[in-house]
Amino acid sequence: MAANLSHNVSRELLSPFAIIRPWEFPLLIKVTTYGGFILTVAACLIYLEIVIAFVRNRNLITPFSIHIVSMVAINLITTAVYDPIMLTRNLSREMFRGNYSLCGLYKYLQWTTMSLSALQHGIICVDRWLAIVLPNWYRTKTIRFGVFSTVTVVVYQQLWYLPLFLTDVLLPRIGPDDLCDYTKALLGYQQVVSMND
């Protein structure tokens, strides 16, 4: 009994939701999830409108604005692919029970979408610094250079995360009752990947 009590206390102290437990408020989860669906659709439409604006008027695409277009494309893919899975998971955590492929895809998208957006922000910051530090070179920079930098970052990121994804899908380390919360595959490699991203 004492071991059980200390186990429960330690879990509550380690929980990020030690004060507020959202699973105790199912109505709150449903309302915020349906609101999230509405915001996801609105975000997809806004991102799509931005892409259409750049496609219609090619003069808007400059060596700098190509980074913004790349960022919008990354956000559009994230919003269209990852967000619906995440929001559906809030309504039914059971959809992952025993579904190793969907669980692997969910975790892979969870790992990659946020870091890819952060890496693209890093490209934009470096671009701004290059404009200040090397103004003569920056004036000769082409749109192709901006596309190349984004593609290089995406390939770099995927080289780190694809082994985790493939291991998680092909050799799942979750039990049939696991709700796809944690990745138990290649724990040491996960630490290396998180430091390199």
C-alpha atoms as a PDB file:
ATOM      1  CA  MET A   1       0.000   0.000   0.000  1.00  0.00           C
ATOM      2  CA  ALA A   2       2.770   2.446   0.912  1.00  0.00           C
ATOM      3  CA  ALA A   3       4.634   1.647  -2.313  1.00  0.00           C
ATOM      4  CA  ASN A   4       1.448   2.291  -4.280  1.00  0.00           C
ATOM      5  CA  LEU A   5       0.898   5.605  -2.514  1.00  0.00           C
ATOM      6  CA  SER A   6       4.472   6.800  -3.094  1.00  0.00           C
ATOM      7  CA  HIS A   7       4.236   5.749  -6.759  1.00  0.00           C
ATOM      8  CA  ASN A   8       1.080   7.847  -7.245  1.00  0.00           C
ATOM      9  CA  VAL A   9       2.546  10.842  -5.407  1.00  0.00           C
ATOM     10  CA  SER A  10       5.755  10.751  -7.455  1.00  0.00           C
ATOM     11  CA  ARG A  11       3.776  10.552 -10.717  1.00  0.00           C
ATOM     12  CA  GLU A  12       1.738  13.600  -9.728  1.00  0.00           C
ATOM     13  CA  LEU A  13       4.822  15.580  -8.782  1.00  0.00           C
ATOM     14  CA  LEU A  14       6.496  14.777 -12.119  1.00  0.00           C
ATOM     15  CA  SER A  15       3.409  15.547 -14.169  1.00  0.00           C
ATOM     16  CA  PRO A  16       3.461  18.849 -16.089  1.00  0.00           C
ATOM     17  CA  PHE A  17      -0.246  19.105 -15.252  1.00  0.00           C
ATOM     18  CA  ALA A  18       0.163  18.606 -11.490  1.00  0.00           C
ATOM     19  CA  ILE A  19      -2.337  21.384 -10.716  1.00  0.00           C
ATOM     20  CA  ILE A  20      -4.689  21.146 -13.691  1.00  0.00           C
ATOM     21  CA  ARG A  21      -5.600  17.690 -14.937  1.00  0.00           C
ATOM     22  CA  PRO A  22      -7.306  18.173 -18.322  1.00  0.00           C
ATOM     23  CA  TRP A  23      -8.461  14.543 -18.527  1.00  0.00           C
ATOM     24  CA  GLU A  24     -10.710  15.252 -15.534  1.00  0.00           C
ATOM     25  CA  PHE A  25     -12.595  17.793 -17.674  1.00  0.00           C
ATOM     26  CA  PRO A  26     -13.824  15.913 -20.768  1.00  0.00           C
ATOM     27  CA  LEU A  27     -16.078  18.809 -21.818  1.00  0.00           C
ATOM     28  CA  LEU A  28     -13.080  21.177 -21.818  1.00  0.00           C
ATOM     29  CA  ILE A  29     -11.104  18.745 -23.986  1.00  0.00           C
ATOM     30  CA  LYS A  30     -13.967  18.429 -26.480  1.00  0.00           C
ATOM     31  CA  VAL A  31     -14.609  22.169 -26.711  1.00  0.00           C
ATOM     32  CA  THR A  32     -10.934  23.048 -27.167  1.00  0.00           C
ATOM     33  CA  THR A  33     -10.428  20.221 -29.674  1.00  0.00           C
ATOM     34  CA  TYR A  34     -13.371  21.274 -31.844  1.00  0.00           C
ATOM     35  CA  GLY A  35     -12.114  24.852 -31.589  1.00  0.00           C
ATOM     36  CA  GLY A  36      -8.733  23.531 -32.697  1.00  0.00           C
ATOM     37  CA  PHE A  37     -10.338  21.945 -35.770  1.00  0.00           C
ATOM     38  CA  ILE A  38     -11.873  25.303 -36.698  1.00  0.00           C
ATOM     39  CA  LEU A  39      -8.536  27.083 -36.240  1.00  0.00           C
ATOM     40  CA  THR A  40      -6.749  24.378 -38.264  1.00  0.00           C
ATOM     41  CA  VAL A  41      -9.105  24.819 -41.208  1.00  0.00           C
ATOM     42  CA  ALA A  42      -8.759  28.610 -40.997  1.00  0.00           C
ATOM     43  CA  ALA A  43      -4.951  28.339 -40.834  1.00  0.00           C
ATOM     44  CA  CYS A  44      -4.881  26.018 -43.866  1.00  0.00           C
ATOM     45  CA  LEU A  45      -6.985  28.478 -45.852  1.00  0.00           C
ATOM     46  CA  ILE A  46      -4.772  31.418 -44.864  1.00  0.00           C
ATOM     47  CA  TYR A  47      -1.561  29.545 -45.728  1.00  0.00           C
ATOM     48  CA  LEU A  48      -3.086  28.456 -49.028  1.00  0.00           C
ATOM     49  CA  GLU A  49      -4.029  32.055 -49.813  1.00  0.00           C
ATOM     50  CA  ILE A  50      -0.446  33.179 -49.171  1.00  0.00           C
ATOM     51  CA  VAL A  51       0.905  30.484 -51.495  1.00  0.00           C
ATOM     52  CA  ILE A  52      -1.628  31.459 -54.173  1.00  0.00           C
ATOM     53  CA  ALA A  53      -0.600  35.122 -53.877  1.00  0.00           C
ATOM     54  CA  PHE A  54       3.044  34.224 -54.501  1.00  0.00           C
ATOM     55  CA  VAL A  55       2.169  31.872 -57.376  1.00  0.00           C
ATOM     56  CA  ARG A  56      -0.050  34.448 -59.101  1.00  0.00           C
ATOM     57  CA  ASN A  57       2.477  37.257 -58.835  1.00  0.00           C
ATOM     58  CA  ARG A  58       5.963  35.841 -59.363  1.00  0.00           C
ATOM     59  CA  ASN A  59       7.468  39.313 -58.864  1.00  0.00           C
ATOM     60  CA  LEU A  60       6.799  38.915 -55.140  1.00  0.00           C
ATOM     61  CA  ILE A  61       9.376  36.127 -54.950  1.00  0.00           C
ATOM     62  CA  THR A  62      12.773  37.579 -54.082  1.00  0.00           C
ATOM     63  CA  PRO A  63      15.921  36.002 -52.636  1.00  0.00           C
ATOM     64  CA  PHE A  64      14.546  36.822 -49.171  1.00  0.00           C
ATOM     65  CA  SER A  65      10.828  36.181 -49.639  1.00  0.00           C
ATOM     66  CA  ILE A  66      11.551  32.634 -50.856  1.00  0.00           C
ATOM     67  CA  HIS A  67      12.339  31.845 -47.203  1.00  0.00           C
ATOM     68  CA  ILE A  68       8.896  33.117 -46.210  1.00  0.00           C
ATOM     69  CA  VAL A  69       7.287  31.021 -48.956  1.00  0.00           C
ATOM     70  CA  SER A  70       9.204  27.979 -47.691  1.00  0.00           C
ATOM     71  CA  MET A  71       8.063  28.715 -44.142  1.00  0.00           C
ATOM     72  CA  VAL A  72       4.450  28.993 -45.266  1.00  0.00           C
ATOM     73  CA  ALA A  73       4.757  25.696 -47.175  1.00  0.00           C
ATOM     74  CA  ILE A  74       6.165  23.977 -44.064  1.00  0.00           C
ATOM     75  CA  ASN A  75       3.365  25.405 -41.922  1.00  0.00           C
ATOM     76  CA  LEU A  76       0.742  24.375 -44.493  1.00  0.00           C
ATOM     77  CA  ILE A  77       1.996  20.785 -44.530  1.00  0.00           C
ATOM     78  CA  THR A  78       2.145  20.724 -40.731  1.00  0.00           C
ATOM     79  CA  THR A  79      -1.361  22.133 -40.396  1.00  0.00           C
ATOM     80  CA  ALA A  80      -2.853  19.861 -43.047  1.00  0.00           C
ATOM     81  CA  VAL A  81      -1.175  16.607 -41.959  1.00  0.00           C
ATOM     82  CA  TYR A  82      -0.097  16.677 -38.309  1.00  0.00           C
ATOM     83  CA  ASP A  83      -2.744  18.881 -36.685  1.00  0.00           C
ATOM     84  CA  PRO A  84      -5.771  16.724 -37.645  1.00  0.00           C
ATOM     85  CA  ILE A  85      -4.067  13.610 -36.247  1.00  0.00           C
ATOM     86  CA  MET A  86      -3.157  15.432 -33.031  1.00  0.00           C
ATOM     87  CA  LEU A  87      -6.638  16.883 -32.592  1.00  0.00           C
ATOM     88  CA  THR A  88      -8.306  13.534 -33.318  1.00  0.00           C
ATOM     89  CA  ARG A  89      -6.041  11.967 -30.701  1.00  0.00           C
ATOM     90  CA  ASN A  90      -7.486  14.388 -28.129  1.00  0.00           C
ATOM     91  CA  LEU A  91     -10.968  13.037 -28.837  1.00  0.00           C
ATOM     92  CA  SER A  92     -10.025   9.360 -29.022  1.00  0.00           C
ATOM     93  CA  ARG A  93      -6.731   8.224 -27.567  1.00  0.00           C
ATOM     94  CA  GLU A  94      -7.875   4.669 -28.244  1.00  0.00           C
ATOM     95  CA  MET A  95      -7.265   5.067 -31.997  1.00  0.00           C
ATOM     96  CA  PHE A  96      -3.559   4.354 -31.382  1.00  0.00           C
ATOM     97  CA  ARG A  97      -4.081   1.209 -29.309  1.00  0.00           C
ATOM     98  CA  GLY A  98      -2.362  -1.563 -31.256  1.00  0.00           C
ATOM     99  CA  ASN A  99      -2.055   0.576 -34.420  1.00  0.00           C
ATOM    100  CA  TYR A 100       1.742   0.687 -34.680  1.00  0.00           C
ATOM    101  CA  SER A 101       1.901   2.382 -38.082  1.00  0.00           C
ATOM    102  CA  LEU A 102      -0.366   5.265 -37.071  1.00  0.00           C
ATOM    103  CA  CYS A 103       1.459   5.593 -33.756  1.00  0.00           C
ATOM    104  CA  GLY A 104       4.813   5.706 -35.557  1.00  0.00           C
ATOM    105  CA  LEU A 105       3.531   8.309 -38.013  1.00  0.00           C
ATOM    106  CA  TYR A 106       2.118  10.443 -35.201  1.00  0.00           C
ATOM    107  CA  LYS A 107       5.386  10.429 -33.261  1.00  0.00           C
ATOM    108  CA  TYR A 108       7.439  11.076 -36.414  1.00  0.00           C
ATOM    109  CA  LEU A 109       5.291  14.088 -37.314  1.00  0.00           C
ATOM    110  CA  GLN A 110       5.453  15.266 -33.725  1.00  0.00           C
ATOM    111  CA  TRP A 111       9.276  15.123 -33.826  1.00  0.00           C
ATOM    112  CA  THR A 112       9.789  16.660 -37.247  1.00  0.00           C
ATOM    113  CA  THR A 113       7.150  19.354 -37.739  1.00  0.00           C
ATOM    114  CA  MET A 114       8.159  21.583 -34.856  1.00  0.00           C
ATOM    115  CA  SER A 115      11.875  21.232 -35.432  1.00  0.00           C
ATOM    116  CA  LEU A 116      11.538  21.841 -39.172  1.00  0.00           C
ATOM    117  CA  SER A 117       9.713  25.082 -38.492  1.00  0.00           C
ATOM    118  CA  ALA A 118      12.434  26.099 -36.024  1.00  0.00           C
ATOM    119  CA  LEU A 119      15.158  25.257 -38.551  1.00  0.00           C
ATOM    120  CA  GLN A 120      13.434  27.397 -41.188  1.00  0.00           C
ATOM    121  CA  HIS A 121      13.310  30.282 -38.706  1.00  0.00           C
ATOM    122  CA  GLY A 122      17.038  29.733 -38.254  1.00  0.00           C
ATOM    123  CA  ILE A 123      17.540  30.058 -42.018  1.00  0.00           C
ATOM    124  CA  ILE A 124      15.639  33.352 -41.980  1.00  0.00           C
ATOM    125  CA  CYS A 125      17.804  34.645 -39.091  1.00  0.00           C
ATOM    126  CA  VAL A 126      21.032  33.650 -40.871  1.00  0.00           C
ATOM    127  CA  ASP A 127      19.755  35.317 -44.037  1.00  0.00           C
ATOM    128  CA  ARG A 128      19.181  38.575 -42.179  1.00  0.00           C
ATOM    129  CA  TRP A 129      22.644  38.406 -40.598  1.00  0.00           C
ATOM    130  CA  LEU A 130      24.237  37.748 -43.996  1.00  0.00           C
ATOM    131  CA  ALA A 131      22.503  40.863 -45.311  1.00  0.00           C
ATOM    132  CA  ILE A 132      24.179  42.892 -42.576  1.00  0.00           C
ATOM    133  CA  VAL A 133      27.598  41.233 -42.449  1.00  0.00           C
ATOM    134  CA  LEU A 134      28.147  40.570 -46.183  1.00  0.00           C
ATOM    135  CA  PRO A 135      26.015  43.145 -48.007  1.00  0.00           C
ATOM    136  CA  ASN A 136      27.932  42.941 -51.321  1.00  0.00           C
ATOM    137  CA  TRP A 137      27.612  39.155 -51.497  1.00  0.00           C
ATOM    138  CA  TYR A 138      23.994  39.312 -50.309  1.00  0.00           C
ATOM    139  CA  ARG A 139      23.015  41.516 -53.264  1.00  0.00           C
ATOM    140  CA  THR A 140      24.212  38.792 -55.661  1.00  0.00           C
ATOM    141  CA  LYS A 141      22.309  36.025 -53.838  1.00  0.00           C
ATOM    142  CA  THR A 142      19.723  34.231 -55.979  1.00  0.00           C
ATOM    143  CA  ILE A 143      16.372  32.614 -55.286  1.00  0.00           C
ATOM    144  CA  ARG A 144      17.999  29.266 -56.031  1.00  0.00           C
ATOM    145  CA  PHE A 145      20.301  29.778 -53.020  1.00  0.00           C
ATOM    146  CA  GLY A 146      17.251  30.205 -50.749  1.00  0.00           C
ATOM    147  CA  VAL A 147      15.609  27.061 -52.096  1.00  0.00           C
ATOM    148  CA  PHE A 148      18.901  25.177 -51.755  1.00  0.00           C
ATOM    149  CA  SER A 149      19.265  26.227 -48.102  1.00  0.00           C
ATOM    150  CA  THR A 150      15.744  25.013 -47.249  1.00  0.00           C
ATOM    151  CA  VAL A 151      16.206  21.708 -49.083  1.00  0.00           C
ATOM    152  CA  THR A 152      19.562  21.186 -47.345  1.00  0.00           C
ATOM    153  CA  VAL A 153      18.007  21.710 -43.911  1.00  0.00           C
ATOM    154  CA  VAL A 154      15.093  19.362 -44.700  1.00  0.00           C
ATOM    155  CA  VAL A 155      17.462  16.618 -45.922  1.00  0.00           C
ATOM    156  CA  TYR A 156      19.711  17.105 -42.866  1.00  0.00           C
ATOM    157  CA  GLN A 157      16.744  16.789 -40.531  1.00  0.00           C
ATOM    158  CA  GLN A 158      15.330  13.731 -42.290  1.00  0.00           C
ATOM    159  CA  LEU A 159      18.702  11.964 -42.171  1.00  0.00           C
ATOM    160  CA  TRP A 160      18.467  12.184 -38.372  1.00  0.00           C
ATOM    161  CA  TYR A 161      14.759  11.385 -37.929  1.00  0.00           C
ATOM    162  CA  LEU A 162      14.040   8.733 -40.578  1.00  0.00           C
ATOM    163  CA  PRO A 163      15.930   5.984 -38.686  1.00  0.00           C
ATOM    164  CA  LEU A 164      13.750   6.682 -35.633  1.00  0.00           C
ATOM    165  CA  PHE A 165      10.590   6.593 -37.741  1.00  0.00           C
ATOM    166  CA  LEU A 166      11.516   3.369 -39.525  1.00  0.00           C
ATOM    167  CA  THR A 167      12.526   1.689 -36.264  1.00  0.00           C
ATOM    168  CA  ASP A 168       9.331   2.828 -34.583  1.00  0.00           C
ATOM    169  CA  VAL A 169       7.129   1.487 -37.402  1.00  0.00           C
ATOM    170  CA  LEU A 170       8.999  -1.693 -38.314  1.00  0.00           C
ATOM    171  CA  LEU A 171      10.036  -2.740 -34.797  1.00  0.00           C
ATOM    172  CA  PRO A 172       7.406  -1.202 -32.502  1.00  0.00           C
ATOM    173  CA  ARG A 173       8.337  -1.136 -28.842  1.00  0.00           C
ATOM    174  CA  ILE A 174       4.895  -0.351 -27.488  1.00  0.00           C
ATOM    175  CA  GLY A 175       2.565  -2.813 -25.867  1.00  0.00           C
ATOM    176  CA  PRO A 176      -0.947  -3.488 -27.146  1.00  0.00           C
ATOM    177  CA  ASP A 177      -2.369  -1.327 -24.327  1.00  0.00           C
ATOM    178  CA  ASP A 178       0.039   1.589 -24.828  1.00  0.00           C
ATOM    179  CA  LEU A 179      -1.562   4.832 -26.023  1.00  0.00           C
ATOM    180  CA  CYS A 180       1.429   5.995 -28.070  1.00  0.00           C
ATOM    181  CA  ASP A 181       2.734   8.504 -25.562  1.00  0.00           C
ATOM    182  CA  TYR A 182       6.422   7.661 -25.494  1.00  0.00           C
ATOM    183  CA  THR A 183       8.961   6.257 -27.911  1.00  0.00           C
ATOM    184  CA  LYS A 184      10.973   3.455 -26.443  1.00  0.00           C
ATOM    185  CA  ALA A 185      12.943   2.670 -29.608  1.00  0.00           C
ATOM    186  CA  LEU A 186      16.607   3.688 -29.789  1.00  0.00           C
ATOM    187  CA  LEU A 187      16.639   5.758 -26.589  1.00  0.00           C
ATOM    188  CA  GLY A 188      20.333   6.666 -26.840  1.00  0.00           C
ATOM    189  CA  TYR A 189      19.926   7.670 -30.472  1.00  0.00           C
ATOM    190  CA  GLN A 190      16.931   9.862 -29.546  1.00  0.00           C
ATOM    191  CA  GLN A 191      19.185  11.841 -27.195  1.00  0.00           C
ATOM    192  CA  VAL A 192      21.766  12.357 -29.954  1.00  0.00           C
ATOM    193  CA  VAL A 193      19.061  13.461 -32.412  1.00  0.00           C
ATOM    194  CA  SER A 194      17.570  15.947 -29.951  1.00  0.00           C
ATOM    195  CA  MET A 195      21.012  17.519 -29.444  1.00  0.00           C
ATOM    196  CA  ASN A 196      21.671  17.802 -33.197  1.00  0.00           C
ATOM    197  CA  ASP A 197      18.350  19.349 -34.120  1.00  0.00           C
END
